[in-house]
N, C-alpha and C. Protein backbone atom coordinates (compact mmCIF):
# COMPACT_ATOMS: atom_id res chain seq x y z
N UNK A 1 0.84 -1.17 0.00
CA UNK A 1 0.00 0.00 0.00
C UNK A 1 0.89 1.24 0.00
N UNK A 2 0.53 2.18 -0.88
CA UNK A 2 1.22 3.47 -0.93
C UNK A 2 0.15 4.54 -0.81
N UNK A 3 0.55 5.67 -0.27
CA UNK A 3 -0.41 6.77 -0.19
C UNK A 3 0.30 8.09 -0.39
N UNK A 4 -0.49 9.07 -0.84
CA UNK A 4 0.00 10.44 -0.95
C UNK A 4 -1.02 11.36 -0.29
N UNK A 5 -0.52 12.45 0.26
CA UNK A 5 -1.38 13.43 0.91
C UNK A 5 -1.13 14.78 0.24
N UNK A 6 -2.24 15.43 -0.13
CA UNK A 6 -2.11 16.75 -0.77
C UNK A 6 -3.22 17.65 -0.24
N UNK A 7 -2.91 18.94 -0.06
CA UNK A 7 -3.96 19.86 0.37
C UNK A 7 -5.02 19.99 -0.70
N UNK A 8 -6.26 20.09 -0.27
CA UNK A 8 -7.39 20.30 -1.18
C UNK A 8 -8.06 21.60 -0.77
N UNK A 9 -9.19 21.88 -1.34
CA UNK A 9 -9.85 23.16 -1.06
C UNK A 9 -10.65 23.12 0.23
N UNK A 10 -10.89 24.29 0.78
CA UNK A 10 -11.75 24.50 1.95
C UNK A 10 -11.39 23.61 3.13
N UNK A 11 -10.20 23.70 3.61
CA UNK A 11 -9.74 22.98 4.80
C UNK A 11 -9.93 21.47 4.70
N UNK A 12 -9.54 20.91 3.58
CA UNK A 12 -9.56 19.46 3.42
C UNK A 12 -8.21 18.99 2.90
N UNK A 13 -7.95 17.72 3.15
CA UNK A 13 -6.75 17.09 2.61
C UNK A 13 -7.22 15.93 1.73
N UNK A 14 -6.51 15.73 0.65
CA UNK A 14 -6.82 14.63 -0.26
C UNK A 14 -5.79 13.53 -0.03
N UNK A 15 -6.29 12.39 0.44
CA UNK A 15 -5.41 11.24 0.67
C UNK A 15 -5.71 10.23 -0.44
N UNK A 16 -4.71 9.94 -1.25
CA UNK A 16 -4.86 8.97 -2.33
C UNK A 16 -4.12 7.70 -1.90
N UNK A 17 -4.87 6.60 -1.80
CA UNK A 17 -4.31 5.34 -1.32
C UNK A 17 -4.32 4.35 -2.48
N UNK A 18 -3.15 3.78 -2.78
CA UNK A 18 -3.03 2.82 -3.88
C UNK A 18 -2.68 1.45 -3.29
N UNK A 19 -3.50 0.46 -3.63
CA UNK A 19 -3.29 -0.90 -3.13
C UNK A 19 -2.77 -1.79 -4.26
N UNK A 20 -1.90 -2.72 -3.90
CA UNK A 20 -1.32 -3.65 -4.87
C UNK A 20 -2.33 -4.73 -5.23
N UNK A 21 -2.10 -5.45 -6.34
CA UNK A 21 -3.01 -6.54 -6.71
C UNK A 21 -3.11 -7.62 -5.62
N UNK A 22 -2.01 -7.91 -4.94
CA UNK A 22 -2.04 -8.92 -3.87
C UNK A 22 -2.92 -8.47 -2.71
N UNK A 23 -2.81 -7.19 -2.32
CA UNK A 23 -3.65 -6.67 -1.24
C UNK A 23 -5.12 -6.70 -1.64
N UNK A 24 -5.40 -6.35 -2.90
CA UNK A 24 -6.77 -6.34 -3.39
C UNK A 24 -7.36 -7.75 -3.42
N UNK A 25 -6.58 -8.72 -3.87
CA UNK A 25 -7.04 -10.11 -3.91
C UNK A 25 -7.30 -10.63 -2.50
N UNK A 26 -6.41 -10.33 -1.57
CA UNK A 26 -6.59 -10.77 -0.18
C UNK A 26 -7.84 -10.14 0.43
N UNK A 27 -8.09 -8.87 0.15
CA UNK A 27 -9.28 -8.20 0.69
C UNK A 27 -10.55 -8.79 0.09
N UNK A 28 -10.54 -9.11 -1.21
CA UNK A 28 -11.69 -9.75 -1.85
C UNK A 28 -11.97 -11.12 -1.25
N UNK A 29 -10.90 -11.88 -1.01
CA UNK A 29 -11.06 -13.20 -0.40
C UNK A 29 -11.63 -13.09 1.02
N UNK A 30 -11.15 -12.12 1.77
CA UNK A 30 -11.65 -11.90 3.13
C UNK A 30 -13.12 -11.48 3.10
N UNK A 31 -13.49 -10.61 2.16
CA UNK A 31 -14.89 -10.19 2.02
C UNK A 31 -15.77 -11.37 1.64
N UNK A 32 -15.25 -12.26 0.78
CA UNK A 32 -16.00 -13.47 0.41
C UNK A 32 -16.25 -14.34 1.64
N UNK A 33 -15.21 -14.56 2.44
CA UNK A 33 -15.36 -15.41 3.63
C UNK A 33 -16.38 -14.81 4.60
N UNK A 34 -16.37 -13.49 4.76
CA UNK A 34 -17.29 -12.85 5.69
C UNK A 34 -18.73 -12.86 5.19
N UNK A 35 -18.95 -12.88 3.88
CA UNK A 35 -20.29 -12.71 3.33
C UNK A 35 -20.86 -13.92 2.60
N UNK A 36 -20.13 -15.00 2.49
CA UNK A 36 -20.59 -16.13 1.67
C UNK A 36 -21.86 -16.78 2.19
N UNK A 37 -22.14 -16.64 3.48
CA UNK A 37 -23.35 -17.27 4.04
C UNK A 37 -24.63 -16.56 3.63
N UNK A 38 -24.51 -15.40 3.01
CA UNK A 38 -25.68 -14.63 2.58
C UNK A 38 -26.24 -15.12 1.24
N UNK A 39 -25.44 -15.91 0.50
CA UNK A 39 -25.80 -16.24 -0.87
C UNK A 39 -26.10 -17.72 -1.03
N UNK A 40 -27.08 -18.00 -1.91
CA UNK A 40 -27.45 -19.38 -2.21
C UNK A 40 -27.48 -19.56 -3.73
N UNK A 41 -26.98 -20.68 -4.19
CA UNK A 41 -27.00 -21.03 -5.61
C UNK A 41 -27.46 -22.48 -5.69
N UNK A 42 -28.37 -22.76 -6.62
CA UNK A 42 -28.85 -24.14 -6.78
C UNK A 42 -27.69 -25.09 -7.01
N UNK A 43 -27.72 -26.21 -6.30
CA UNK A 43 -26.67 -27.21 -6.42
C UNK A 43 -25.61 -27.09 -5.33
N UNK A 44 -25.68 -26.02 -4.53
CA UNK A 44 -24.72 -25.82 -3.44
C UNK A 44 -25.47 -25.53 -2.15
N UNK A 45 -24.91 -25.97 -1.03
CA UNK A 45 -25.48 -25.59 0.25
C UNK A 45 -25.19 -24.12 0.49
N UNK A 46 -26.11 -23.48 1.20
CA UNK A 46 -25.95 -22.05 1.49
C UNK A 46 -24.67 -21.86 2.29
N UNK A 47 -23.84 -20.92 1.84
CA UNK A 47 -22.58 -20.64 2.51
C UNK A 47 -21.43 -21.48 2.01
N UNK A 48 -21.69 -22.43 1.12
CA UNK A 48 -20.63 -23.32 0.62
C UNK A 48 -20.35 -23.11 -0.87
N UNK A 49 -20.91 -22.05 -1.44
CA UNK A 49 -20.71 -21.78 -2.87
C UNK A 49 -19.32 -21.21 -3.09
N UNK A 50 -18.54 -21.76 -4.01
CA UNK A 50 -17.21 -21.21 -4.28
C UNK A 50 -17.31 -19.76 -4.79
N UNK A 51 -16.26 -19.02 -4.55
CA UNK A 51 -16.24 -17.60 -4.89
C UNK A 51 -16.46 -17.37 -6.38
N UNK A 52 -15.78 -18.14 -7.23
CA UNK A 52 -15.90 -17.90 -8.67
C UNK A 52 -17.31 -18.20 -9.17
N UNK A 53 -18.03 -19.11 -8.53
CA UNK A 53 -19.42 -19.40 -8.92
C UNK A 53 -20.32 -18.22 -8.53
N UNK A 54 -20.12 -17.69 -7.32
CA UNK A 54 -20.89 -16.52 -6.90
C UNK A 54 -20.65 -15.34 -7.83
N UNK A 55 -19.40 -15.15 -8.23
CA UNK A 55 -19.08 -14.05 -9.14
C UNK A 55 -19.69 -14.27 -10.51
N UNK A 56 -19.84 -15.53 -10.94
CA UNK A 56 -20.51 -15.82 -12.22
C UNK A 56 -22.00 -15.47 -12.13
N UNK A 57 -22.63 -15.81 -11.02
CA UNK A 57 -24.07 -15.58 -10.85
C UNK A 57 -24.39 -14.11 -10.58
N UNK A 58 -23.63 -13.47 -9.68
CA UNK A 58 -23.98 -12.13 -9.20
C UNK A 58 -23.09 -11.02 -9.78
N UNK A 59 -22.04 -11.37 -10.48
CA UNK A 59 -21.16 -10.36 -11.06
C UNK A 59 -19.81 -10.33 -10.36
N UNK A 60 -18.79 -9.94 -11.12
CA UNK A 60 -17.42 -9.94 -10.60
C UNK A 60 -17.25 -8.98 -9.42
N UNK A 61 -18.01 -7.91 -9.39
CA UNK A 61 -17.86 -6.90 -8.34
C UNK A 61 -18.68 -7.19 -7.09
N UNK A 62 -19.14 -8.40 -6.90
CA UNK A 62 -20.00 -8.75 -5.78
C UNK A 62 -19.39 -8.36 -4.42
N UNK A 63 -18.13 -8.58 -4.25
CA UNK A 63 -17.49 -8.33 -2.95
C UNK A 63 -16.62 -7.08 -2.95
N UNK A 64 -16.68 -6.28 -4.01
CA UNK A 64 -15.82 -5.10 -4.11
C UNK A 64 -16.06 -4.10 -2.98
N UNK A 65 -17.31 -3.79 -2.73
CA UNK A 65 -17.60 -2.77 -1.70
C UNK A 65 -17.06 -3.20 -0.34
N UNK A 66 -17.33 -4.45 0.02
CA UNK A 66 -16.85 -4.93 1.32
C UNK A 66 -15.32 -4.99 1.34
N UNK A 67 -14.70 -5.37 0.23
CA UNK A 67 -13.24 -5.43 0.17
C UNK A 67 -12.64 -4.03 0.30
N UNK A 68 -13.26 -3.05 -0.37
CA UNK A 68 -12.78 -1.66 -0.25
C UNK A 68 -12.92 -1.16 1.18
N UNK A 69 -14.04 -1.46 1.81
CA UNK A 69 -14.24 -1.06 3.21
C UNK A 69 -13.21 -1.70 4.13
N UNK A 70 -12.90 -2.97 3.88
CA UNK A 70 -11.88 -3.65 4.69
C UNK A 70 -10.51 -3.00 4.52
N UNK A 71 -10.12 -2.76 3.29
CA UNK A 71 -8.82 -2.14 3.03
C UNK A 71 -8.74 -0.76 3.65
N UNK A 72 -9.77 0.03 3.45
CA UNK A 72 -9.77 1.39 3.99
C UNK A 72 -9.72 1.35 5.52
N UNK A 73 -10.54 0.49 6.13
CA UNK A 73 -10.57 0.39 7.58
C UNK A 73 -9.24 -0.04 8.18
N UNK A 74 -8.54 -0.91 7.49
CA UNK A 74 -7.26 -1.40 8.00
C UNK A 74 -6.15 -0.34 7.92
N UNK A 75 -6.19 0.53 6.91
CA UNK A 75 -5.07 1.42 6.66
C UNK A 75 -5.31 2.89 7.00
N UNK A 76 -6.56 3.33 7.04
CA UNK A 76 -6.85 4.75 7.24
C UNK A 76 -6.33 5.26 8.59
N UNK A 77 -6.57 4.52 9.65
CA UNK A 77 -6.10 4.93 10.98
C UNK A 77 -4.58 5.04 11.05
N UNK A 78 -3.88 4.13 10.40
CA UNK A 78 -2.42 4.16 10.39
C UNK A 78 -1.91 5.38 9.61
N UNK A 79 -2.59 5.72 8.53
CA UNK A 79 -2.19 6.90 7.75
C UNK A 79 -2.37 8.16 8.58
N UNK A 80 -3.50 8.28 9.27
CA UNK A 80 -3.73 9.45 10.12
C UNK A 80 -2.69 9.54 11.23
N UNK A 81 -2.32 8.40 11.80
CA UNK A 81 -1.31 8.40 12.87
C UNK A 81 0.05 8.88 12.33
N UNK A 82 0.40 8.46 11.12
CA UNK A 82 1.68 8.89 10.53
C UNK A 82 1.67 10.37 10.18
N UNK A 83 0.52 10.90 9.80
CA UNK A 83 0.41 12.28 9.34
C UNK A 83 -0.06 13.26 10.41
N UNK A 84 -0.11 12.82 11.67
CA UNK A 84 -0.67 13.69 12.72
C UNK A 84 0.12 14.98 12.92
N UNK A 85 1.37 15.01 12.53
CA UNK A 85 2.17 16.24 12.63
C UNK A 85 1.80 17.24 11.54
N UNK A 86 1.27 16.75 10.42
CA UNK A 86 0.99 17.61 9.27
C UNK A 86 -0.42 18.20 9.28
N UNK A 87 -1.39 17.47 9.81
CA UNK A 87 -2.77 17.96 9.87
C UNK A 87 -3.54 17.21 10.94
N UNK A 88 -4.68 17.80 11.34
CA UNK A 88 -5.56 17.18 12.33
C UNK A 88 -6.92 16.95 11.70
N UNK A 89 -7.32 15.72 11.63
CA UNK A 89 -8.62 15.35 11.06
C UNK A 89 -9.73 15.80 12.02
N UNK A 90 -10.81 16.38 11.47
CA UNK A 90 -11.90 16.85 12.32
C UNK A 90 -13.26 16.27 11.90
N UNK A 91 -13.28 15.34 10.99
CA UNK A 91 -14.56 14.76 10.57
C UNK A 91 -14.33 13.50 9.75
N UNK A 92 -15.45 12.90 9.33
CA UNK A 92 -15.39 11.69 8.53
C UNK A 92 -15.00 12.03 7.08
N UNK A 93 -14.22 11.16 6.45
CA UNK A 93 -13.80 11.44 5.08
C UNK A 93 -14.90 11.13 4.07
N UNK A 94 -14.83 11.80 2.93
CA UNK A 94 -15.68 11.47 1.79
C UNK A 94 -14.84 10.58 0.88
N UNK A 95 -15.31 9.37 0.64
CA UNK A 95 -14.52 8.39 -0.11
C UNK A 95 -15.00 8.29 -1.55
N UNK A 96 -14.05 8.05 -2.43
CA UNK A 96 -14.38 7.75 -3.82
C UNK A 96 -13.35 6.76 -4.34
N UNK A 97 -13.76 6.00 -5.35
CA UNK A 97 -12.87 5.03 -5.97
C UNK A 97 -12.38 5.63 -7.27
N UNK A 98 -11.09 5.80 -7.37
CA UNK A 98 -10.52 6.40 -8.58
C UNK A 98 -10.23 5.34 -9.64
N UNK A 99 -9.83 4.14 -9.19
CA UNK A 99 -9.48 3.10 -10.16
C UNK A 99 -9.61 1.73 -9.51
N UNK A 100 -10.25 0.80 -10.23
CA UNK A 100 -10.24 -0.61 -9.84
C UNK A 100 -9.88 -1.39 -11.09
N UNK A 101 -8.74 -2.04 -11.04
CA UNK A 101 -8.31 -2.87 -12.17
C UNK A 101 -7.50 -4.03 -11.61
N UNK A 102 -7.04 -4.89 -12.51
CA UNK A 102 -6.20 -6.01 -12.07
C UNK A 102 -4.82 -5.54 -11.62
N UNK A 103 -4.41 -4.33 -12.06
CA UNK A 103 -3.09 -3.82 -11.72
C UNK A 103 -3.04 -3.09 -10.40
N UNK A 104 -4.15 -2.39 -10.05
CA UNK A 104 -4.15 -1.61 -8.81
C UNK A 104 -5.57 -1.20 -8.44
N UNK A 105 -5.71 -0.78 -7.20
CA UNK A 105 -6.96 -0.19 -6.71
C UNK A 105 -6.56 1.13 -6.05
N UNK A 106 -7.26 2.20 -6.45
CA UNK A 106 -6.93 3.52 -5.92
C UNK A 106 -8.17 4.11 -5.26
N UNK A 107 -8.05 4.42 -3.96
CA UNK A 107 -9.10 5.08 -3.19
C UNK A 107 -8.68 6.52 -2.92
N UNK A 108 -9.64 7.43 -2.94
CA UNK A 108 -9.36 8.82 -2.62
C UNK A 108 -10.27 9.23 -1.47
N UNK A 109 -9.66 9.77 -0.43
CA UNK A 109 -10.41 10.23 0.75
C UNK A 109 -10.23 11.74 0.88
N UNK A 110 -11.33 12.48 0.86
CA UNK A 110 -11.30 13.92 1.13
C UNK A 110 -11.58 14.08 2.62
N UNK A 111 -10.59 14.49 3.38
CA UNK A 111 -10.68 14.54 4.83
C UNK A 111 -10.78 15.99 5.30
N UNK A 112 -11.84 16.33 6.06
CA UNK A 112 -11.88 17.68 6.64
C UNK A 112 -10.83 17.79 7.74
N UNK A 113 -10.08 18.88 7.71
CA UNK A 113 -8.99 19.06 8.67
C UNK A 113 -9.14 20.38 9.40
N UNK A 114 -8.47 20.46 10.53
CA UNK A 114 -8.45 21.70 11.30
C UNK A 114 -7.71 22.76 10.49
N UNK A 115 -8.34 23.90 10.25
CA UNK A 115 -7.69 24.90 9.40
C UNK A 115 -6.55 25.61 10.11
N UNK A 116 -5.61 26.10 9.32
CA UNK A 116 -4.54 26.94 9.85
C UNK A 116 -5.10 28.36 9.92
N UNK A 117 -5.05 28.95 11.09
CA UNK A 117 -5.62 30.27 11.29
C UNK A 117 -4.51 31.25 11.65
N UNK A 118 -4.49 32.37 10.96
CA UNK A 118 -3.55 33.43 11.28
C UNK A 118 -4.34 34.60 11.84
N UNK A 119 -3.99 35.02 13.03
CA UNK A 119 -4.67 36.14 13.65
C UNK A 119 -3.88 37.40 13.35
N UNK A 120 -4.56 38.36 12.74
CA UNK A 120 -3.89 39.59 12.37
C UNK A 120 -4.52 40.76 13.11
N UNK A 121 -3.75 41.77 13.38
CA UNK A 121 -4.20 43.04 13.93
C UNK A 121 -5.05 42.86 15.20
N UNK A 122 -4.58 42.05 16.10
CA UNK A 122 -5.31 41.89 17.34
C UNK A 122 -4.80 42.83 18.43
N UNK A 123 -3.67 43.43 18.20
CA UNK A 123 -3.13 44.37 19.18
C UNK A 123 -3.78 45.73 18.98
N UNK A 124 -4.08 46.39 20.06
CA UNK A 124 -4.67 47.71 19.99
C UNK A 124 -6.19 47.70 19.98
N UNK A 125 -6.82 46.53 20.06
CA UNK A 125 -8.27 46.46 20.12
C UNK A 125 -8.71 46.86 21.52
N UNK A 126 -9.67 47.75 21.59
CA UNK A 126 -10.17 48.18 22.89
C UNK A 126 -11.37 47.32 23.27
N UNK A 127 -11.34 46.81 24.46
CA UNK A 127 -12.41 45.97 24.98
C UNK A 127 -13.06 46.69 26.14
N UNK A 128 -14.39 46.79 26.08
CA UNK A 128 -15.12 47.42 27.17
C UNK A 128 -15.21 46.43 28.32
N UNK A 129 -14.78 46.87 29.47
CA UNK A 129 -14.79 46.00 30.64
C UNK A 129 -16.01 46.34 31.49
N UNK A 130 -16.74 45.34 31.86
CA UNK A 130 -17.92 45.53 32.68
C UNK A 130 -17.65 45.00 34.08
N UNK A 131 -18.11 45.73 35.06
CA UNK A 131 -17.95 45.28 36.44
C UNK A 131 -19.34 45.07 37.02
N UNK A 132 -19.54 43.92 37.58
CA UNK A 132 -20.83 43.59 38.16
C UNK A 132 -20.72 43.60 39.68
N UNK A 133 -21.73 44.17 40.34
CA UNK A 133 -21.76 44.20 41.78
C UNK A 133 -22.91 43.31 42.24
N UNK A 134 -22.58 42.34 43.06
CA UNK A 134 -23.59 41.43 43.58
C UNK A 134 -23.76 41.73 45.06
N UNK A 135 -25.01 42.01 45.44
CA UNK A 135 -25.28 42.33 46.84
C UNK A 135 -25.81 41.10 47.56
N UNK A 136 -25.71 41.13 48.89
CA UNK A 136 -26.27 40.04 49.69
C UNK A 136 -27.77 39.94 49.47
N UNK A 137 -28.42 41.08 49.31
CA UNK A 137 -29.87 41.09 49.09
C UNK A 137 -30.25 40.36 47.80
N UNK A 138 -29.50 40.58 46.69
CA UNK A 138 -29.83 39.91 45.42
C UNK A 138 -29.53 38.40 45.51
N UNK A 139 -28.49 38.02 46.25
CA UNK A 139 -28.19 36.60 46.44
C UNK A 139 -29.31 35.93 47.23
N UNK A 140 -29.73 36.57 48.33
CA UNK A 140 -30.80 36.00 49.14
C UNK A 140 -32.10 35.91 48.36
N UNK A 141 -32.39 36.91 47.54
CA UNK A 141 -33.60 36.91 46.73
C UNK A 141 -33.57 35.74 45.74
N UNK A 142 -32.42 35.50 45.13
CA UNK A 142 -32.28 34.40 44.18
C UNK A 142 -32.40 33.05 44.89
N UNK A 143 -31.82 32.94 46.08
CA UNK A 143 -31.92 31.69 46.85
C UNK A 143 -33.37 31.41 47.20
N UNK A 144 -34.10 32.44 47.64
CA UNK A 144 -35.50 32.26 48.01
C UNK A 144 -36.35 31.87 46.80
N UNK A 145 -36.08 32.47 45.65
CA UNK A 145 -36.81 32.11 44.42
C UNK A 145 -36.55 30.65 44.05
N UNK A 146 -35.31 30.21 44.22
CA UNK A 146 -34.97 28.82 43.93
C UNK A 146 -35.68 27.88 44.90
N UNK A 147 -35.71 28.24 46.16
CA UNK A 147 -36.42 27.42 47.16
C UNK A 147 -37.89 27.28 46.80
N UNK A 148 -38.52 28.38 46.41
CA UNK A 148 -39.93 28.35 46.04
C UNK A 148 -40.16 27.47 44.81
N UNK A 149 -39.25 27.56 43.85
CA UNK A 149 -39.39 26.81 42.61
C UNK A 149 -39.26 25.30 42.82
N UNK A 150 -38.38 24.87 43.72
CA UNK A 150 -38.15 23.44 43.90
C UNK A 150 -38.82 22.88 45.15
N UNK A 151 -39.64 23.67 45.81
CA UNK A 151 -40.30 23.22 47.04
C UNK A 151 -41.26 22.08 46.73
N UNK A 152 -41.38 21.14 47.67
CA UNK A 152 -42.30 20.03 47.54
C UNK A 152 -43.47 20.23 48.50
N UNK A 153 -44.64 19.76 48.11
CA UNK A 153 -45.81 19.85 49.00
C UNK A 153 -45.79 18.69 49.97
N UNK A 154 -45.99 19.00 51.26
CA UNK A 154 -45.99 18.01 52.31
C UNK A 154 -47.28 18.19 53.12
N UNK A 155 -47.97 17.10 53.40
CA UNK A 155 -49.21 17.19 54.18
C UNK A 155 -48.88 17.55 55.63
N UNK A 156 -49.56 18.57 56.15
CA UNK A 156 -49.36 19.02 57.54
C UNK A 156 -50.70 18.83 58.25
N UNK A 157 -50.69 18.04 59.33
CA UNK A 157 -51.94 17.77 60.04
C UNK A 157 -51.88 18.19 61.51
N UNK A 158 -50.73 18.64 61.98
CA UNK A 158 -50.57 18.93 63.41
C UNK A 158 -50.72 20.41 63.76
N UNK A 159 -51.14 21.25 62.81
CA UNK A 159 -51.31 22.67 63.10
C UNK A 159 -52.37 23.23 62.15
N UNK A 160 -52.91 24.37 62.50
CA UNK A 160 -53.89 24.99 61.61
C UNK A 160 -53.18 25.62 60.40
N UNK A 161 -53.93 25.87 59.31
CA UNK A 161 -53.38 26.49 58.10
C UNK A 161 -52.93 27.90 58.40
N UNK A 162 -51.86 28.31 57.73
CA UNK A 162 -51.39 29.68 57.91
C UNK A 162 -51.03 30.26 56.54
N UNK A 163 -50.65 31.52 56.50
CA UNK A 163 -50.36 32.22 55.26
C UNK A 163 -49.22 31.51 54.50
N UNK A 164 -49.42 31.25 53.20
CA UNK A 164 -48.42 30.57 52.37
C UNK A 164 -48.70 29.09 52.20
N UNK A 165 -49.59 28.51 53.00
CA UNK A 165 -49.94 27.09 52.87
C UNK A 165 -50.91 26.91 51.70
N UNK A 166 -50.85 25.74 51.09
CA UNK A 166 -51.84 25.35 50.09
C UNK A 166 -52.86 24.49 50.80
N UNK A 167 -54.14 24.82 50.62
CA UNK A 167 -55.19 24.16 51.37
C UNK A 167 -56.19 23.53 50.42
N UNK A 168 -56.60 22.29 50.71
CA UNK A 168 -57.68 21.63 49.98
C UNK A 168 -58.94 21.74 50.84
N UNK A 169 -60.01 22.25 50.26
CA UNK A 169 -61.24 22.46 51.01
C UNK A 169 -62.36 21.66 50.35
N UNK A 170 -63.08 20.88 51.18
CA UNK A 170 -64.28 20.20 50.72
C UNK A 170 -65.45 21.14 50.94
N UNK A 171 -66.30 21.30 49.93
CA UNK A 171 -67.45 22.18 50.10
C UNK A 171 -68.64 21.65 49.33
N UNK A 172 -69.79 22.17 49.72
CA UNK A 172 -71.04 21.81 49.06
C UNK A 172 -71.86 23.10 48.95
N UNK A 173 -72.08 23.57 47.71
CA UNK A 173 -72.81 24.80 47.50
C UNK A 173 -74.27 24.52 47.15
N UNK A 174 -75.15 25.31 47.73
CA UNK A 174 -76.58 25.12 47.46
C UNK A 174 -77.20 26.45 47.07
N UNK A 175 -78.30 26.36 46.32
CA UNK A 175 -79.08 27.53 45.93
C UNK A 175 -80.54 27.18 46.20
N UNK A 176 -81.18 27.93 47.09
CA UNK A 176 -82.55 27.65 47.51
C UNK A 176 -82.68 26.23 48.07
N UNK A 177 -81.68 25.79 48.78
CA UNK A 177 -81.72 24.48 49.44
C UNK A 177 -81.37 23.32 48.52
N UNK A 178 -81.06 23.59 47.24
CA UNK A 178 -80.71 22.50 46.32
C UNK A 178 -79.26 22.69 45.86
N UNK A 179 -78.55 21.57 45.75
CA UNK A 179 -77.15 21.58 45.28
C UNK A 179 -77.17 21.91 43.78
N UNK A 180 -76.37 22.88 43.36
CA UNK A 180 -76.31 23.23 41.93
C UNK A 180 -75.12 22.54 41.26
N UNK A 181 -75.15 22.55 39.94
CA UNK A 181 -74.10 21.86 39.16
C UNK A 181 -72.76 22.51 39.39
N UNK A 182 -71.73 21.71 39.73
CA UNK A 182 -70.39 22.22 40.01
C UNK A 182 -70.26 22.77 41.41
N UNK A 183 -71.25 22.55 42.26
CA UNK A 183 -71.24 23.12 43.60
C UNK A 183 -70.69 22.19 44.66
N UNK A 184 -70.12 21.05 44.27
CA UNK A 184 -69.57 20.11 45.26
C UNK A 184 -68.09 19.86 44.89
N UNK A 185 -67.24 19.88 45.89
CA UNK A 185 -65.83 19.56 45.68
C UNK A 185 -65.33 18.72 46.84
N UNK A 186 -64.84 17.54 46.54
CA UNK A 186 -64.18 16.68 47.53
C UNK A 186 -62.75 16.49 47.06
N UNK A 187 -61.85 16.46 48.03
CA UNK A 187 -60.44 16.29 47.65
C UNK A 187 -60.24 14.94 47.13
């Protein structure tokens, strides 16, 4: 496997990875072994169909996608580790296949990278400084508001109701000695 790294547009790097025919064949064989149980052909038990028969039935490129994913997965992390001094990857790459032939397989990854930033003319900028004064009264007011917001209701039966308590009242309203609609409330 060989690779080249070149800057691309808009904070991306172009990594071109070229695999040898032997690497490509090994990846195809590995993809076949991982996926052969998915395919059935008359005259063969499921999962026991030879690779060349599957390729005759379903096409030569049957295992290409899985083989490309295997090759990329095996080598991409190592490439990033080798190039960590040159750029910092910040997202998932956009992959494309540039060439698939018996002589070579070429993958291209467009990788978003951390941009190089140059800060200019930062000296002499005036910044307005704000000073905030926090009083004990404002702190206590905020604490009391928080207490009220998170307070839980607890049933109190050992004292009479007082200001600030929530009270449930049972009542029965009548008009001319008869109970009217909506005039009864039980807790």
